[in-house]
C-alpha cells in the first residue's frame, strides 16, 4: 500500500478550542539574546609536507641566501656523520648550479640516516623545481626527481612473514 493511499484513509484530527477562561496566560516576550562572542580564528591548516616513502618524512624550504644547509636546527656536518650522506645532499645543488646561492632548511622525521638522505635529496629537488621551473629538466635528467618505488613486501597468510615459513616438523 502506498503512503499517499494510507494517509488519505486516516481522518484528520479535529481541532479543539479551549475557552479563554481555561487557557493559560500569554507568555511574556522573551528577552533579547546576548550576542555570541566572536569565534576565535581557527588555526591555519599546516601545509602538506612532501614525503617520500613511509618511514622518512621530509619538509624542505629553499630561499636565496649564503648557502647554509640546516637540518632539524643543526648544520649538515653535525646532523650527518657519514661523508657519503653529506656529499649526496649536494647533488641537486651541483646539477642546478645553485650551490652557495640558496639556503636550505629541512625538517626530517622517521627512518634512518640513509633513508633521510634520499628523502632530503628528493625534497630538495622538488623545492628547487618549485622555486624555478627551468631547473626541473636538469633535475629529472640526473634522476633526482624519481621516487624509489621499492616497498616492503607484504606478509602472506599461512606464513610467518613475507617469505619466512613456519617451521616444518616431519614427526
C-alpha atoms as a PDB file:
ATOM      1  CA  UNK A   1       0.000   0.000   0.000  1.00  0.00           C
ATOM      2  CA  UNK A   2       1.450   3.322  -0.980  1.00  0.00           C
ATOM      3  CA  UNK A   3       1.979   6.072   1.535  1.00  0.00           C
ATOM      4  CA  UNK A   4      -0.418   8.520  -0.152  1.00  0.00           C
ATOM      5  CA  UNK A   5      -3.266   5.968  -0.124  1.00  0.00           C
ATOM      6  CA  UNK A   6      -2.747   5.166   3.557  1.00  0.00           C
ATOM      7  CA  UNK A   7      -2.583   8.874   4.508  1.00  0.00           C
ATOM      8  CA  UNK A   8      -5.782   9.532   2.574  1.00  0.00           C
ATOM      9  CA  UNK A   9      -7.731   6.954   4.655  1.00  0.00           C
ATOM     10  CA  UNK A  10      -6.715   8.466   8.013  1.00  0.00           C
ATOM     11  CA  UNK A  11      -9.155  11.112   9.051  1.00  0.00           C
ATOM     12  CA  UNK A  12      -7.700  14.430  10.172  1.00  0.00           C
ATOM     13  CA  UNK A  13      -7.959  15.136  13.894  1.00  0.00           C
ATOM     14  CA  UNK A  14     -10.474  17.827  14.764  1.00  0.00           C
ATOM     15  CA  UNK A  15      -9.055  20.991  16.262  1.00  0.00           C
ATOM     16  CA  UNK A  16     -10.001  21.555  19.878  1.00  0.00           C
ATOM     17  CA  UNK A  17     -10.734  25.072  21.009  1.00  0.00           C
ATOM     18  CA  UNK A  18     -10.132  25.964  24.637  1.00  0.00           C
ATOM     19  CA  UNK A  19     -12.256  28.629  26.322  1.00  0.00           C
ATOM     20  CA  UNK A  20     -10.377  31.831  27.251  1.00  0.00           C
ATOM     21  CA  UNK A  21     -11.101  31.315  30.946  1.00  0.00           C
ATOM     22  CA  UNK A  22      -9.196  27.973  30.932  1.00  0.00           C
ATOM     23  CA  UNK A  23      -6.370  28.933  28.531  1.00  0.00           C
ATOM     24  CA  UNK A  24      -3.002  29.786  30.088  1.00  0.00           C
ATOM     25  CA  UNK A  25      -1.974  33.452  30.142  1.00  0.00           C
ATOM     26  CA  UNK A  26       0.102  34.625  27.176  1.00  0.00           C
ATOM     27  CA  UNK A  27       3.822  34.261  27.707  1.00  0.00           C
ATOM     28  CA  UNK A  28       5.915  37.365  28.326  1.00  0.00           C
ATOM     29  CA  UNK A  29       8.149  38.365  25.431  1.00  0.00           C
ATOM     30  CA  UNK A  30      11.498  36.618  25.655  1.00  0.00           C
ATOM     31  CA  UNK A  31      14.479  38.830  26.462  1.00  0.00           C
ATOM     32  CA  UNK A  32      16.739  39.563  23.520  1.00  0.00           C
ATOM     33  CA  UNK A  33      19.585  37.058  23.410  1.00  0.00           C
ATOM     34  CA  UNK A  34      23.036  38.428  24.111  1.00  0.00           C
ATOM     35  CA  UNK A  35      25.291  38.485  21.081  1.00  0.00           C
ATOM     36  CA  UNK A  36      27.501  35.435  20.922  1.00  0.00           C
ATOM     37  CA  UNK A  37      31.199  36.096  21.442  1.00  0.00           C
ATOM     38  CA  UNK A  38      33.163  36.319  18.223  1.00  0.00           C
ATOM     39  CA  UNK A  39      34.610  32.920  17.355  1.00  0.00           C
ATOM     40  CA  UNK A  40      38.368  32.711  17.621  1.00  0.00           C
ATOM     41  CA  UNK A  41      40.149  32.426  14.338  1.00  0.00           C
ATOM     42  CA  UNK A  42      40.754  28.792  13.514  1.00  0.00           C
ATOM     43  CA  UNK A  43      44.425  27.883  13.223  1.00  0.00           C
ATOM     44  CA  UNK A  44      45.670  27.964   9.667  1.00  0.00           C
ATOM     45  CA  UNK A  45      45.977  24.496   8.132  1.00  0.00           C
ATOM     46  CA  UNK A  46      49.511  23.218   8.049  1.00  0.00           C
ATOM     47  CA  UNK A  47      50.979  22.894   4.571  1.00  0.00           C
ATOM     48  CA  UNK A  48      51.304  19.371   3.298  1.00  0.00           C
ATOM     49  CA  UNK A  49      54.794  18.043   3.731  1.00  0.00           C
ATOM     50  CA  UNK A  50      56.429  16.475   0.689  1.00  0.00           C
ATOM     51  CA  UNK A  51      57.136  12.915   1.730  1.00  0.00           C
ATOM     52  CA  UNK A  52      58.991  10.056   0.149  1.00  0.00           C
ATOM     53  CA  UNK A  53      58.051   6.577   1.248  1.00  0.00           C
ATOM     54  CA  UNK A  54      56.508   5.857   4.623  1.00  0.00           C
ATOM     55  CA  UNK A  55      59.424   5.884   7.032  1.00  0.00           C
ATOM     56  CA  UNK A  56      61.271   9.182   6.434  1.00  0.00           C
ATOM     57  CA  UNK A  57      59.077  12.261   6.072  1.00  0.00           C
ATOM     58  CA  UNK A  58      60.841  15.441   4.981  1.00  0.00           C
ATOM     59  CA  UNK A  59      59.797  19.067   4.586  1.00  0.00           C
ATOM     60  CA  UNK A  60      62.295  21.240   2.689  1.00  0.00           C
ATOM     61  CA  UNK A  61      62.289  25.023   2.235  1.00  0.00           C
ATOM     62  CA  UNK A  62      64.725  26.874  -0.014  1.00  0.00           C
ATOM     63  CA  UNK A  63      65.417  30.589  -0.097  1.00  0.00           C
ATOM     64  CA  UNK A  64      68.081  32.773  -1.702  1.00  0.00           C
ATOM     65  CA  UNK A  65      70.990  33.116   0.691  1.00  0.00           C
ATOM     66  CA  UNK A  66      74.588  32.273   1.506  1.00  0.00           C
ATOM     67  CA  UNK A  67      74.303  28.506   1.016  1.00  0.00           C
ATOM     68  CA  UNK A  68      73.562  27.352   4.579  1.00  0.00           C
ATOM     69  CA  UNK A  69      72.068  23.882   4.967  1.00  0.00           C
ATOM     70  CA  UNK A  70      70.178  23.337   8.226  1.00  0.00           C
ATOM     71  CA  UNK A  71      68.569  20.021   9.152  1.00  0.00           C
ATOM     72  CA  UNK A  72      66.343  19.885  12.254  1.00  0.00           C
ATOM     73  CA  UNK A  73      68.064  23.003  13.626  1.00  0.00           C
ATOM     74  CA  UNK A  74      71.588  21.606  13.176  1.00  0.00           C
ATOM     75  CA  UNK A  75      74.159  22.094  10.439  1.00  0.00           C
ATOM     76  CA  UNK A  76      74.722  19.444   7.795  1.00  0.00           C
ATOM     77  CA  UNK A  77      78.036  18.302   9.321  1.00  0.00           C
ATOM     78  CA  UNK A  78      76.500  17.981  12.805  1.00  0.00           C
ATOM     79  CA  UNK A  79      73.464  16.041  11.593  1.00  0.00           C
ATOM     80  CA  UNK A  80      75.067  13.538   9.191  1.00  0.00           C
ATOM     81  CA  UNK A  81      78.242  11.790  10.313  1.00  0.00           C
ATOM     82  CA  UNK A  82      78.757   9.829   7.084  1.00  0.00           C
ATOM     83  CA  UNK A  83      80.682  11.605   4.340  1.00  0.00           C
ATOM     84  CA  UNK A  84      78.634   9.761   1.706  1.00  0.00           C
ATOM     85  CA  UNK A  85      75.374  11.221   3.054  1.00  0.00           C
ATOM     86  CA  UNK A  86      76.805  14.758   3.241  1.00  0.00           C
ATOM     87  CA  UNK A  87      78.116  14.670  -0.331  1.00  0.00           C
ATOM     88  CA  UNK A  88      74.972  13.192  -1.839  1.00  0.00           C
ATOM     89  CA  UNK A  89      72.813  16.062  -0.500  1.00  0.00           C
ATOM     90  CA  UNK A  90      74.840  18.498  -2.619  1.00  0.00           C
ATOM     91  CA  UNK A  91      73.865  16.583  -5.812  1.00  0.00           C
ATOM     92  CA  UNK A  92      70.756  18.631  -6.709  1.00  0.00           C
ATOM     93  CA  UNK A  93      72.573  21.891  -5.874  1.00  0.00           C
ATOM     94  CA  UNK A  94      75.526  20.997  -8.139  1.00  0.00           C
ATOM     95  CA  UNK A  95      73.329  19.933 -11.062  1.00  0.00           C
ATOM     96  CA  UNK A  96      71.376  23.208 -10.944  1.00  0.00           C
ATOM     97  CA  UNK A  97      74.411  25.441 -10.155  1.00  0.00           C
ATOM     98  CA  UNK A  98      72.667  26.843  -7.078  1.00  0.00           C
ATOM     99  CA  UNK A  99      75.263  25.727  -4.519  1.00  0.00           C
ATOM    100  CA  UNK A 100      76.255  28.673  -2.314  1.00  0.00           C
ATOM    101  CA  UNK A 101      73.298  30.728  -3.583  1.00  0.00           C
ATOM    102  CA  UNK A 102      70.413  29.036  -1.720  1.00  0.00           C
ATOM    103  CA  UNK A 103      69.754  28.478   1.978  1.00  0.00           C
ATOM    104  CA  UNK A 104      68.150  25.093   2.669  1.00  0.00           C
ATOM    105  CA  UNK A 105      66.032  24.431   5.780  1.00  0.00           C
ATOM    106  CA  UNK A 106      64.958  20.825   6.378  1.00  0.00           C
ATOM    107  CA  UNK A 107      62.643  19.143   8.895  1.00  0.00           C
ATOM    108  CA  UNK A 108      63.169  15.376   8.784  1.00  0.00           C
ATOM    109  CA  UNK A 109      61.426  12.684  10.841  1.00  0.00           C
ATOM    110  CA  UNK A 110      61.482   8.903  10.794  1.00  0.00           C
ATOM    111  CA  UNK A 111      63.724   6.427   9.051  1.00  0.00           C
ATOM    112  CA  UNK A 112      67.482   6.196   9.400  1.00  0.00           C
ATOM    113  CA  UNK A 113      70.320   8.361   8.111  1.00  0.00           C
ATOM    114  CA  UNK A 114      70.440   6.785   4.653  1.00  0.00           C
ATOM    115  CA  UNK A 115      66.661   6.910   4.168  1.00  0.00           C
ATOM    116  CA  UNK A 116      66.530  10.506   5.352  1.00  0.00           C
ATOM    117  CA  UNK A 117      69.317  11.404   2.934  1.00  0.00           C
ATOM    118  CA  UNK A 118      67.333  10.021  -0.008  1.00  0.00           C
ATOM    119  CA  UNK A 119      64.194  11.810   1.153  1.00  0.00           C
ATOM    120  CA  UNK A 120      66.081  15.108   1.588  1.00  0.00           C
ATOM    121  CA  UNK A 121      67.530  14.813  -1.932  1.00  0.00           C
ATOM    122  CA  UNK A 122      64.063  14.348  -3.417  1.00  0.00           C
ATOM    123  CA  UNK A 123      62.523  17.071  -1.259  1.00  0.00           C
ATOM    124  CA  UNK A 124      65.324  19.486  -2.160  1.00  0.00           C
ATOM    125  CA  UNK A 125      64.877  18.681  -5.851  1.00  0.00           C
ATOM    126  CA  UNK A 126      61.140  19.304  -5.663  1.00  0.00           C
ATOM    127  CA  UNK A 127      61.674  22.550  -3.761  1.00  0.00           C
ATOM    128  CA  UNK A 128      64.210  23.791  -6.333  1.00  0.00           C
ATOM    129  CA  UNK A 129      61.867  22.857  -9.196  1.00  0.00           C
ATOM    130  CA  UNK A 130      59.031  24.726  -7.485  1.00  0.00           C
ATOM    131  CA  UNK A 131      61.294  27.744  -6.894  1.00  0.00           C
ATOM    132  CA  UNK A 132      62.424  27.893 -10.540  1.00  0.00           C
ATOM    133  CA  UNK A 133      60.583  25.885 -13.242  1.00  0.00           C
ATOM    134  CA  UNK A 134      63.630  25.837 -15.542  1.00  0.00           C
ATOM    135  CA  UNK A 135      65.560  23.670 -13.042  1.00  0.00           C
ATOM    136  CA  UNK A 136      63.174  20.728 -13.331  1.00  0.00           C
ATOM    137  CA  UNK A 137      64.641  19.342 -16.584  1.00  0.00           C
ATOM    138  CA  UNK A 138      68.245  19.011 -15.302  1.00  0.00           C
ATOM    139  CA  UNK A 139      66.995  17.537 -12.009  1.00  0.00           C
ATOM    140  CA  UNK A 140      64.896  14.954 -13.863  1.00  0.00           C
ATOM    141  CA  UNK A 141      67.830  14.161 -16.152  1.00  0.00           C
ATOM    142  CA  UNK A 142      70.030  13.466 -13.132  1.00  0.00           C
ATOM    143  CA  UNK A 143      67.295  11.203 -11.652  1.00  0.00           C
ATOM    144  CA  UNK A 144      66.767  13.348  -8.546  1.00  0.00           C
ATOM    145  CA  UNK A 145      63.013  13.725  -9.134  1.00  0.00           C
ATOM    146  CA  UNK A 146      62.295   9.982  -9.421  1.00  0.00           C
ATOM    147  CA  UNK A 147      60.912   8.290  -6.318  1.00  0.00           C
ATOM    148  CA  UNK A 148      62.391   4.963  -5.233  1.00  0.00           C
ATOM    149  CA  UNK A 149      59.460   2.628  -5.860  1.00  0.00           C
ATOM    150  CA  UNK A 150      60.718  -0.257  -3.722  1.00  0.00           C
ATOM    151  CA  UNK A 151      58.296  -1.154  -0.947  1.00  0.00           C
ATOM    152  CA  UNK A 152      58.232  -3.673   1.865  1.00  0.00           C
ATOM    153  CA  UNK A 153      56.830  -6.994   0.644  1.00  0.00           C
ATOM    154  CA  UNK A 154      53.575  -7.937   2.309  1.00  0.00           C
ATOM    155  CA  UNK A 155      53.181 -10.823   4.720  1.00  0.00           C
ATOM    156  CA  UNK A 156      51.369 -13.822   3.221  1.00  0.00           C
ATOM    157  CA  UNK A 157      48.770 -15.919   5.033  1.00  0.00           C
ATOM    158  CA  UNK A 158      49.949 -19.329   6.203  1.00  0.00           C
ATOM    159  CA  UNK A 159      53.492 -17.989   6.643  1.00  0.00           C
ATOM    160  CA  UNK A 160      55.368 -16.190   9.380  1.00  0.00           C
ATOM    161  CA  UNK A 161      56.391 -13.288   7.169  1.00  0.00           C
ATOM    162  CA  UNK A 162      56.722 -12.247   3.545  1.00  0.00           C
ATOM    163  CA  UNK A 163      58.957 -15.210   2.676  1.00  0.00           C
ATOM    164  CA  UNK A 164      59.620 -16.901   6.021  1.00  0.00           C
ATOM    165  CA  UNK A 165      57.630 -20.079   6.520  1.00  0.00           C
ATOM    166  CA  UNK A 166      56.547 -21.726   9.762  1.00  0.00           C
ATOM    167  CA  UNK A 167      58.920 -24.425  10.946  1.00  0.00           C
ATOM    168  CA  UNK A 168      58.196 -27.792   9.347  1.00  0.00           C
ATOM    169  CA  UNK A 169      58.082 -30.829  11.605  1.00  0.00           C
ATOM    170  CA  UNK A 170      58.436 -34.226   9.899  1.00  0.00           C
ATOM    171  CA  UNK A 171      57.397 -36.155  13.032  1.00  0.00           C
END
